[in-house]
Amino acid sequence: MNATDGLLLATTDTAKELKTGIHMHVAEIAYENQFVTETQKVDHGTVIHLEKIQFLHDNLLAAHTVWVNPAETDCLSRDGVKVSHCPARCLMLASVSLGTDGAPSNNRMSRVDEMYLASLINKGREVHTNGTTDPTALPAETVLKLNGDFKL
């Protein structure tokens, strides 16, 4: 939403040249999709636009990425984009890793707190969705795996 297509594509080219990744907030808020839909003349929003300009690659780490539809989820998956979920910021889990976001958005930078919150949210979601408690919804082992090399 805050970068031109030219800057995005130059970033992609530079990242390929340097053999490095790109980190970017994607579809973080509903207004972002509305803005991108209106200004870029695409069907839904940020992810569709990024696919259209061929920005989505397996070296992209997309932070948040919670305001996406099933077609956009398919685009991200097909292109190998990684998504970092920040539960305190987004309160929704659709992720491959956990993040803390920045202090202005989250009020803290504790990965342990994020692991705890991610586990609780999914247990609560289970109650809301199915009307039953399930202590195995997002168990501790899975939460630890979401953190990759995180060591206690």
N, C-alpha and C. Protein backbone atom coordinates (compact mmCIF):
# COMPACT_ATOMS: atom_id res chain seq x y z
N MET A 1 0.82 -1.19 0.00
CA MET A 1 0.00 0.00 0.00
C MET A 1 0.87 1.25 0.00
N ASN A 2 2.07 1.15 0.56
CA ASN A 2 2.92 2.33 0.68
C ASN A 2 4.12 2.33 -0.27
N ALA A 3 4.15 1.41 -1.21
CA ALA A 3 5.28 1.33 -2.14
C ALA A 3 4.77 1.26 -3.57
N THR A 4 5.52 1.86 -4.47
CA THR A 4 5.15 1.79 -5.89
C THR A 4 5.50 0.42 -6.44
N ASP A 5 4.88 0.07 -7.55
CA ASP A 5 5.21 -1.19 -8.21
C ASP A 5 6.68 -1.21 -8.60
N GLY A 6 7.20 -0.08 -9.04
CA GLY A 6 8.60 0.00 -9.41
C GLY A 6 9.53 -0.32 -8.25
N LEU A 7 9.21 0.21 -7.07
CA LEU A 7 10.03 -0.07 -5.89
C LEU A 7 9.93 -1.54 -5.51
N LEU A 8 8.73 -2.10 -5.56
CA LEU A 8 8.56 -3.51 -5.24
C LEU A 8 9.36 -4.40 -6.18
N LEU A 9 9.29 -4.13 -7.46
CA LEU A 9 10.01 -4.95 -8.44
C LEU A 9 11.51 -4.76 -8.34
N ALA A 10 11.95 -3.55 -8.04
CA ALA A 10 13.38 -3.31 -7.82
C ALA A 10 13.86 -4.07 -6.58
N THR A 11 13.01 -4.12 -5.57
CA THR A 11 13.34 -4.87 -4.36
C THR A 11 13.48 -6.35 -4.68
N THR A 12 12.56 -6.88 -5.49
CA THR A 12 12.64 -8.28 -5.91
C THR A 12 13.93 -8.56 -6.65
N ASP A 13 14.27 -7.69 -7.59
CA ASP A 13 15.50 -7.87 -8.36
C ASP A 13 16.74 -7.84 -7.47
N THR A 14 16.78 -6.88 -6.54
CA THR A 14 17.92 -6.76 -5.64
C THR A 14 18.02 -7.98 -4.72
N ALA A 15 16.89 -8.43 -4.21
CA ALA A 15 16.89 -9.62 -3.33
C ALA A 15 17.39 -10.84 -4.08
N LYS A 16 16.99 -11.00 -5.34
CA LYS A 16 17.49 -12.13 -6.14
C LYS A 16 18.99 -12.02 -6.34
N GLU A 17 19.44 -10.82 -6.67
CA GLU A 17 20.86 -10.59 -6.90
C GLU A 17 21.68 -10.89 -5.64
N LEU A 18 21.17 -10.48 -4.49
CA LEU A 18 21.88 -10.68 -3.23
C LEU A 18 21.58 -12.02 -2.57
N LYS A 19 20.69 -12.78 -3.19
CA LYS A 19 20.28 -14.09 -2.65
C LYS A 19 19.79 -13.96 -1.21
N THR A 20 18.85 -13.04 -1.02
CA THR A 20 18.31 -12.78 0.30
C THR A 20 16.79 -12.76 0.25
N GLY A 21 16.19 -12.65 1.39
CA GLY A 21 14.73 -12.62 1.47
C GLY A 21 14.19 -11.21 1.53
N ILE A 22 12.87 -11.13 1.47
CA ILE A 22 12.16 -9.87 1.59
C ILE A 22 11.13 -10.04 2.70
N HIS A 23 11.05 -9.06 3.58
CA HIS A 23 10.04 -9.04 4.64
C HIS A 23 9.11 -7.87 4.36
N MET A 24 7.81 -8.15 4.40
CA MET A 24 6.84 -7.09 4.08
C MET A 24 5.52 -7.38 4.77
N HIS A 25 4.89 -6.36 5.30
CA HIS A 25 3.54 -6.51 5.84
C HIS A 25 2.59 -6.60 4.65
N VAL A 26 1.72 -7.60 4.67
CA VAL A 26 0.81 -7.86 3.54
C VAL A 26 -0.59 -8.11 4.08
N ALA A 27 -1.57 -7.41 3.53
CA ALA A 27 -2.99 -7.61 3.89
C ALA A 27 -3.17 -7.60 5.40
N GLU A 28 -2.59 -6.60 6.03
CA GLU A 28 -2.63 -6.51 7.49
C GLU A 28 -3.95 -5.95 8.00
N ILE A 29 -4.52 -5.01 7.27
CA ILE A 29 -5.78 -4.40 7.70
C ILE A 29 -6.76 -4.38 6.53
N ALA A 30 -8.03 -4.37 6.83
CA ALA A 30 -9.06 -4.41 5.79
C ALA A 30 -8.94 -3.20 4.86
N TYR A 31 -8.64 -2.04 5.40
CA TYR A 31 -8.53 -0.84 4.57
C TYR A 31 -7.46 -0.99 3.50
N GLU A 32 -6.40 -1.71 3.82
CA GLU A 32 -5.33 -1.93 2.83
C GLU A 32 -5.89 -2.58 1.57
N ASN A 33 -6.67 -3.64 1.74
CA ASN A 33 -7.27 -4.30 0.57
C ASN A 33 -8.20 -3.38 -0.18
N GLN A 34 -8.99 -2.60 0.54
CA GLN A 34 -9.90 -1.65 -0.10
C GLN A 34 -9.11 -0.64 -0.92
N PHE A 35 -8.05 -0.09 -0.35
CA PHE A 35 -7.22 0.90 -1.02
C PHE A 35 -6.57 0.30 -2.28
N VAL A 36 -5.99 -0.88 -2.15
CA VAL A 36 -5.32 -1.52 -3.28
C VAL A 36 -6.33 -1.89 -4.37
N THR A 37 -7.50 -2.37 -3.97
CA THR A 37 -8.54 -2.72 -4.95
C THR A 37 -8.93 -1.49 -5.76
N GLU A 38 -9.11 -0.38 -5.08
CA GLU A 38 -9.53 0.85 -5.76
C GLU A 38 -8.42 1.47 -6.62
N THR A 39 -7.21 1.48 -6.12
CA THR A 39 -6.13 2.16 -6.84
C THR A 39 -5.46 1.31 -7.90
N GLN A 40 -5.48 -0.01 -7.71
CA GLN A 40 -4.78 -0.89 -8.65
C GLN A 40 -5.72 -1.65 -9.57
N LYS A 41 -7.02 -1.46 -9.37
CA LYS A 41 -8.05 -2.09 -10.23
C LYS A 41 -7.90 -3.61 -10.27
N VAL A 42 -7.84 -4.23 -9.07
CA VAL A 42 -7.81 -5.68 -8.96
C VAL A 42 -9.07 -6.14 -8.22
N ASP A 43 -9.34 -7.44 -8.31
CA ASP A 43 -10.57 -7.99 -7.74
C ASP A 43 -10.64 -7.92 -6.22
N HIS A 44 -9.54 -8.16 -5.53
CA HIS A 44 -9.65 -8.22 -4.07
C HIS A 44 -8.70 -7.29 -3.34
N GLY A 45 -7.43 -7.41 -3.55
CA GLY A 45 -6.54 -6.56 -2.76
C GLY A 45 -5.07 -6.85 -2.97
N THR A 46 -4.33 -6.70 -1.88
CA THR A 46 -2.87 -6.71 -1.92
C THR A 46 -2.29 -7.97 -2.56
N VAL A 47 -2.71 -9.14 -2.10
CA VAL A 47 -2.11 -10.38 -2.60
C VAL A 47 -2.35 -10.53 -4.10
N ILE A 48 -3.57 -10.26 -4.54
CA ILE A 48 -3.87 -10.36 -5.98
C ILE A 48 -3.02 -9.38 -6.77
N HIS A 49 -2.87 -8.17 -6.26
CA HIS A 49 -2.02 -7.20 -6.95
C HIS A 49 -0.56 -7.65 -6.99
N LEU A 50 -0.05 -8.15 -5.86
CA LEU A 50 1.34 -8.61 -5.84
C LEU A 50 1.56 -9.77 -6.79
N GLU A 51 0.56 -10.63 -6.91
CA GLU A 51 0.67 -11.73 -7.89
C GLU A 51 0.68 -11.16 -9.32
N LYS A 52 -0.19 -10.20 -9.56
CA LYS A 52 -0.31 -9.58 -10.89
C LYS A 52 1.02 -8.98 -11.36
N ILE A 53 1.77 -8.36 -10.44
CA ILE A 53 3.04 -7.75 -10.83
C ILE A 53 4.22 -8.71 -10.65
N GLN A 54 3.94 -9.97 -10.34
CA GLN A 54 4.94 -11.03 -10.19
C GLN A 54 5.93 -10.74 -9.05
N PHE A 55 5.38 -10.29 -7.92
CA PHE A 55 6.19 -10.00 -6.74
C PHE A 55 6.25 -11.19 -5.79
N LEU A 56 5.28 -12.09 -5.87
CA LEU A 56 5.22 -13.22 -4.93
C LEU A 56 6.23 -14.29 -5.31
N HIS A 57 7.16 -14.56 -4.38
CA HIS A 57 8.20 -15.57 -4.59
C HIS A 57 8.47 -16.27 -3.27
N ASP A 58 9.23 -17.35 -3.33
CA ASP A 58 9.51 -18.12 -2.12
C ASP A 58 10.49 -17.45 -1.18
N ASN A 59 11.02 -16.30 -1.54
CA ASN A 59 11.91 -15.56 -0.63
C ASN A 59 11.15 -14.45 0.11
N LEU A 60 9.83 -14.41 -0.02
CA LEU A 60 9.03 -13.38 0.64
C LEU A 60 8.50 -13.91 1.97
N LEU A 61 8.74 -13.16 3.03
CA LEU A 61 8.12 -13.41 4.33
C LEU A 61 7.06 -12.33 4.51
N ALA A 62 5.80 -12.74 4.44
CA ALA A 62 4.67 -11.82 4.54
C ALA A 62 4.18 -11.78 5.98
N ALA A 63 4.32 -10.64 6.62
CA ALA A 63 3.86 -10.51 8.00
C ALA A 63 2.36 -10.23 8.01
N HIS A 64 1.68 -10.84 8.96
CA HIS A 64 0.24 -10.71 9.19
C HIS A 64 -0.55 -11.49 8.15
N THR A 65 -0.85 -10.89 7.01
CA THR A 65 -1.53 -11.58 5.91
C THR A 65 -2.82 -12.24 6.38
N VAL A 66 -3.63 -11.48 7.11
CA VAL A 66 -4.88 -12.03 7.65
C VAL A 66 -6.12 -11.66 6.84
N TRP A 67 -6.06 -10.61 6.04
CA TRP A 67 -7.21 -10.18 5.24
C TRP A 67 -7.06 -10.72 3.83
N VAL A 68 -7.14 -12.05 3.71
CA VAL A 68 -7.00 -12.72 2.42
C VAL A 68 -8.19 -13.65 2.21
N ASN A 69 -8.50 -13.87 0.95
CA ASN A 69 -9.57 -14.82 0.61
C ASN A 69 -8.94 -16.14 0.15
N PRO A 70 -9.74 -17.18 -0.08
CA PRO A 70 -9.16 -18.47 -0.48
C PRO A 70 -8.30 -18.41 -1.75
N ALA A 71 -8.68 -17.61 -2.72
CA ALA A 71 -7.87 -17.49 -3.94
C ALA A 71 -6.50 -16.91 -3.63
N GLU A 72 -6.45 -15.95 -2.72
CA GLU A 72 -5.17 -15.35 -2.34
C GLU A 72 -4.32 -16.34 -1.54
N THR A 73 -4.96 -17.10 -0.68
CA THR A 73 -4.24 -18.14 0.06
C THR A 73 -3.59 -19.12 -0.92
N ASP A 74 -4.34 -19.48 -1.97
CA ASP A 74 -3.79 -20.36 -3.00
C ASP A 74 -2.58 -19.74 -3.69
N CYS A 75 -2.66 -18.44 -4.00
CA CYS A 75 -1.53 -17.74 -4.64
C CYS A 75 -0.30 -17.80 -3.74
N LEU A 76 -0.48 -17.48 -2.47
CA LEU A 76 0.65 -17.48 -1.53
C LEU A 76 1.27 -18.87 -1.43
N SER A 77 0.43 -19.87 -1.34
CA SER A 77 0.92 -21.24 -1.23
C SER A 77 1.64 -21.67 -2.50
N ARG A 78 1.03 -21.42 -3.65
CA ARG A 78 1.61 -21.82 -4.93
C ARG A 78 2.98 -21.18 -5.15
N ASP A 79 3.12 -19.91 -4.72
CA ASP A 79 4.37 -19.20 -4.94
C ASP A 79 5.39 -19.42 -3.82
N GLY A 80 5.03 -20.21 -2.80
CA GLY A 80 5.96 -20.54 -1.73
C GLY A 80 6.22 -19.40 -0.76
N VAL A 81 5.30 -18.44 -0.68
CA VAL A 81 5.45 -17.31 0.23
C VAL A 81 5.31 -17.82 1.67
N LYS A 82 6.16 -17.33 2.55
CA LYS A 82 6.07 -17.65 3.97
C LYS A 82 5.23 -16.58 4.65
N VAL A 83 4.42 -16.99 5.62
CA VAL A 83 3.59 -16.05 6.36
C VAL A 83 3.96 -16.12 7.82
N SER A 84 4.20 -14.97 8.44
CA SER A 84 4.49 -14.92 9.87
C SER A 84 3.29 -14.34 10.59
N HIS A 85 2.72 -15.15 11.46
CA HIS A 85 1.53 -14.77 12.21
C HIS A 85 1.94 -14.06 13.49
N CYS A 86 1.30 -12.96 13.79
CA CYS A 86 1.55 -12.20 15.02
C CYS A 86 0.24 -12.16 15.80
N PRO A 87 -0.04 -13.17 16.63
CA PRO A 87 -1.36 -13.32 17.21
C PRO A 87 -1.83 -12.17 18.07
N ALA A 88 -0.96 -11.54 18.82
CA ALA A 88 -1.41 -10.42 19.65
C ALA A 88 -1.89 -9.28 18.78
N ARG A 89 -1.33 -9.14 17.61
CA ARG A 89 -1.71 -8.07 16.69
C ARG A 89 -2.93 -8.47 15.87
N CYS A 90 -3.02 -9.69 15.46
CA CYS A 90 -4.05 -10.09 14.50
C CYS A 90 -5.16 -10.93 15.09
N LEU A 91 -4.88 -11.65 16.14
CA LEU A 91 -5.85 -12.55 16.77
C LEU A 91 -6.48 -13.52 15.80
N MET A 92 -5.66 -14.06 14.90
CA MET A 92 -6.12 -15.06 13.94
C MET A 92 -4.92 -15.89 13.53
N LEU A 93 -5.07 -17.20 13.45
CA LEU A 93 -3.94 -18.05 13.10
C LEU A 93 -4.15 -18.70 11.74
N ALA A 94 -3.26 -18.42 10.83
CA ALA A 94 -3.23 -19.04 9.51
C ALA A 94 -1.78 -18.94 9.07
N SER A 95 -0.91 -19.69 9.73
CA SER A 95 0.49 -19.33 9.63
C SER A 95 1.43 -20.51 9.49
N VAL A 96 2.68 -20.15 9.24
CA VAL A 96 3.74 -21.13 9.26
C VAL A 96 4.79 -20.76 10.29
N SER A 97 4.69 -19.60 10.88
CA SER A 97 5.62 -19.19 11.93
C SER A 97 4.95 -18.15 12.81
N LEU A 98 5.57 -17.86 13.94
CA LEU A 98 5.05 -16.86 14.85
C LEU A 98 6.00 -15.67 14.89
N GLY A 99 5.44 -14.50 15.06
CA GLY A 99 6.24 -13.29 15.20
C GLY A 99 5.67 -12.42 16.29
N THR A 100 6.41 -11.39 16.67
CA THR A 100 5.95 -10.48 17.71
C THR A 100 5.49 -9.14 17.16
N ASP A 101 5.74 -8.87 15.90
CA ASP A 101 5.49 -7.57 15.30
C ASP A 101 6.36 -6.55 16.01
N GLY A 102 6.03 -5.29 15.93
CA GLY A 102 6.82 -4.26 16.59
C GLY A 102 6.14 -3.77 17.84
N ALA A 103 6.91 -3.20 18.74
CA ALA A 103 6.37 -2.72 20.01
C ALA A 103 5.20 -1.74 19.84
N PRO A 104 5.20 -0.84 18.84
CA PRO A 104 4.06 0.07 18.70
C PRO A 104 2.74 -0.64 18.40
N SER A 105 2.80 -1.81 17.79
CA SER A 105 1.58 -2.55 17.46
C SER A 105 1.23 -3.61 18.49
N ASN A 106 2.18 -3.98 19.34
CA ASN A 106 2.02 -5.16 20.17
C ASN A 106 2.27 -4.91 21.64
N ASN A 107 2.94 -3.87 22.01
CA ASN A 107 3.26 -3.52 23.40
C ASN A 107 4.28 -4.42 24.07
N ARG A 108 4.80 -5.39 23.35
CA ARG A 108 5.84 -6.25 23.90
C ARG A 108 6.54 -6.99 22.75
N MET A 109 7.66 -7.62 23.07
CA MET A 109 8.41 -8.34 22.05
C MET A 109 8.76 -9.75 22.52
N SER A 110 7.84 -10.41 23.19
CA SER A 110 8.11 -11.72 23.77
C SER A 110 7.55 -12.84 22.90
N ARG A 111 8.43 -13.66 22.35
CA ARG A 111 7.98 -14.81 21.56
C ARG A 111 7.30 -15.84 22.45
N VAL A 112 7.71 -15.94 23.70
CA VAL A 112 7.06 -16.88 24.61
C VAL A 112 5.61 -16.47 24.81
N ASP A 113 5.36 -15.17 25.00
CA ASP A 113 3.98 -14.68 25.13
C ASP A 113 3.17 -14.98 23.87
N GLU A 114 3.78 -14.84 22.71
CA GLU A 114 3.09 -15.11 21.45
C GLU A 114 2.74 -16.60 21.33
N MET A 115 3.65 -17.46 21.76
CA MET A 115 3.37 -18.90 21.72
C MET A 115 2.17 -19.23 22.62
N TYR A 116 2.17 -18.66 23.81
CA TYR A 116 1.08 -18.89 24.76
C TYR A 116 -0.25 -18.39 24.18
N LEU A 117 -0.24 -17.19 23.65
CA LEU A 117 -1.47 -16.60 23.10
C LEU A 117 -1.97 -17.39 21.89
N ALA A 118 -1.07 -17.82 21.02
CA ALA A 118 -1.47 -18.60 19.84
C ALA A 118 -2.16 -19.89 20.27
N SER A 119 -1.63 -20.53 21.29
CA SER A 119 -2.24 -21.76 21.79
C SER A 119 -3.62 -21.50 22.38
N LEU A 120 -3.74 -20.46 23.19
CA LEU A 120 -5.04 -20.13 23.81
C LEU A 120 -6.08 -19.74 22.77
N ILE A 121 -5.70 -18.95 21.80
CA ILE A 121 -6.66 -18.50 20.78
C ILE A 121 -7.27 -19.70 20.08
N ASN A 122 -6.45 -20.67 19.74
CA ASN A 122 -6.97 -21.83 19.02
C ASN A 122 -7.83 -22.72 19.88
N LYS A 123 -7.54 -22.79 21.17
CA LYS A 123 -8.41 -23.53 22.07
C LYS A 123 -9.76 -22.82 22.18
N GLY A 124 -9.75 -21.51 22.30
CA GLY A 124 -10.99 -20.73 22.34
C GLY A 124 -11.76 -20.81 21.04
N ARG A 125 -11.05 -20.81 19.95
CA ARG A 125 -11.70 -20.94 18.64
C ARG A 125 -12.42 -22.28 18.53
N GLU A 126 -11.81 -23.31 19.06
CA GLU A 126 -12.42 -24.64 19.05
C GLU A 126 -13.74 -24.62 19.83
N VAL A 127 -13.75 -23.98 20.99
CA VAL A 127 -14.97 -23.87 21.78
C VAL A 127 -16.04 -23.10 21.01
N HIS A 128 -15.64 -22.00 20.42
CA HIS A 128 -16.59 -21.17 19.68
C HIS A 128 -17.15 -21.91 18.46
N THR A 129 -16.29 -22.60 17.73
CA THR A 129 -16.69 -23.28 16.50
C THR A 129 -17.50 -24.54 16.77
N ASN A 130 -17.02 -25.36 17.72
CA ASN A 130 -17.62 -26.68 17.94
C ASN A 130 -18.40 -26.82 19.24
N GLY A 131 -18.32 -25.81 20.09
CA GLY A 131 -19.03 -25.88 21.36
C GLY A 131 -18.41 -26.83 22.37
N THR A 132 -17.20 -27.30 22.09
CA THR A 132 -16.52 -28.22 23.00
C THR A 132 -15.10 -27.74 23.24
N THR A 133 -14.56 -28.14 24.34
CA THR A 133 -13.16 -27.82 24.61
C THR A 133 -12.28 -28.91 24.04
N ASP A 134 -11.13 -28.53 23.56
CA ASP A 134 -10.18 -29.49 23.03
C ASP A 134 -8.78 -29.04 23.44
N PRO A 135 -8.24 -29.60 24.51
CA PRO A 135 -6.92 -29.17 24.97
C PRO A 135 -5.80 -29.49 23.98
N THR A 136 -6.11 -30.31 22.97
CA THR A 136 -5.07 -30.64 21.99
C THR A 136 -5.07 -29.68 20.80
N ALA A 137 -6.00 -28.73 20.76
CA ALA A 137 -6.01 -27.74 19.66
C ALA A 137 -4.73 -26.91 19.77
N LEU A 138 -3.91 -26.96 18.75
CA LEU A 138 -2.59 -26.33 18.71
C LEU A 138 -1.79 -26.63 19.97
N PRO A 139 -1.33 -27.88 20.11
CA PRO A 139 -0.57 -28.28 21.30
C PRO A 139 0.80 -27.61 21.36
N ALA A 140 1.40 -27.66 22.54
CA ALA A 140 2.69 -27.00 22.78
C ALA A 140 3.76 -27.44 21.77
N GLU A 141 3.78 -28.72 21.41
CA GLU A 141 4.78 -29.21 20.45
C GLU A 141 4.67 -28.49 19.11
N THR A 142 3.43 -28.27 18.67
CA THR A 142 3.20 -27.58 17.40
C THR A 142 3.61 -26.12 17.52
N VAL A 143 3.26 -25.48 18.63
CA VAL A 143 3.64 -24.08 18.84
C VAL A 143 5.16 -23.94 18.79
N LEU A 144 5.87 -24.86 19.41
CA LEU A 144 7.34 -24.80 19.37
C LEU A 144 7.86 -24.96 17.95
N LYS A 145 7.25 -25.85 17.17
CA LYS A 145 7.67 -26.04 15.78
C LYS A 145 7.44 -24.78 14.94
N LEU A 146 6.39 -24.01 15.28
CA LEU A 146 6.13 -22.75 14.55
C LEU A 146 7.26 -21.75 14.73
N ASN A 147 8.07 -21.94 15.75
CA ASN A 147 9.16 -21.03 16.04
C ASN A 147 10.49 -21.44 15.45
N GLY A 148 10.51 -22.54 14.72
CA GLY A 148 11.76 -22.95 14.06
C GLY A 148 12.89 -23.18 15.03
N ASP A 149 13.86 -22.28 15.03
CA ASP A 149 15.06 -22.48 15.84
C ASP A 149 14.94 -21.91 17.24
N PHE A 150 13.74 -21.56 17.68
CA PHE A 150 13.55 -20.99 19.01
C PHE A 150 13.99 -21.97 20.08
N LYS A 151 14.81 -21.50 21.00
CA LYS A 151 15.29 -22.33 22.11
C LYS A 151 14.81 -21.71 23.42
N LEU A 152 14.34 -22.57 24.31
CA LEU A 152 13.92 -22.10 25.64
C LEU A 152 15.12 -21.93 26.53
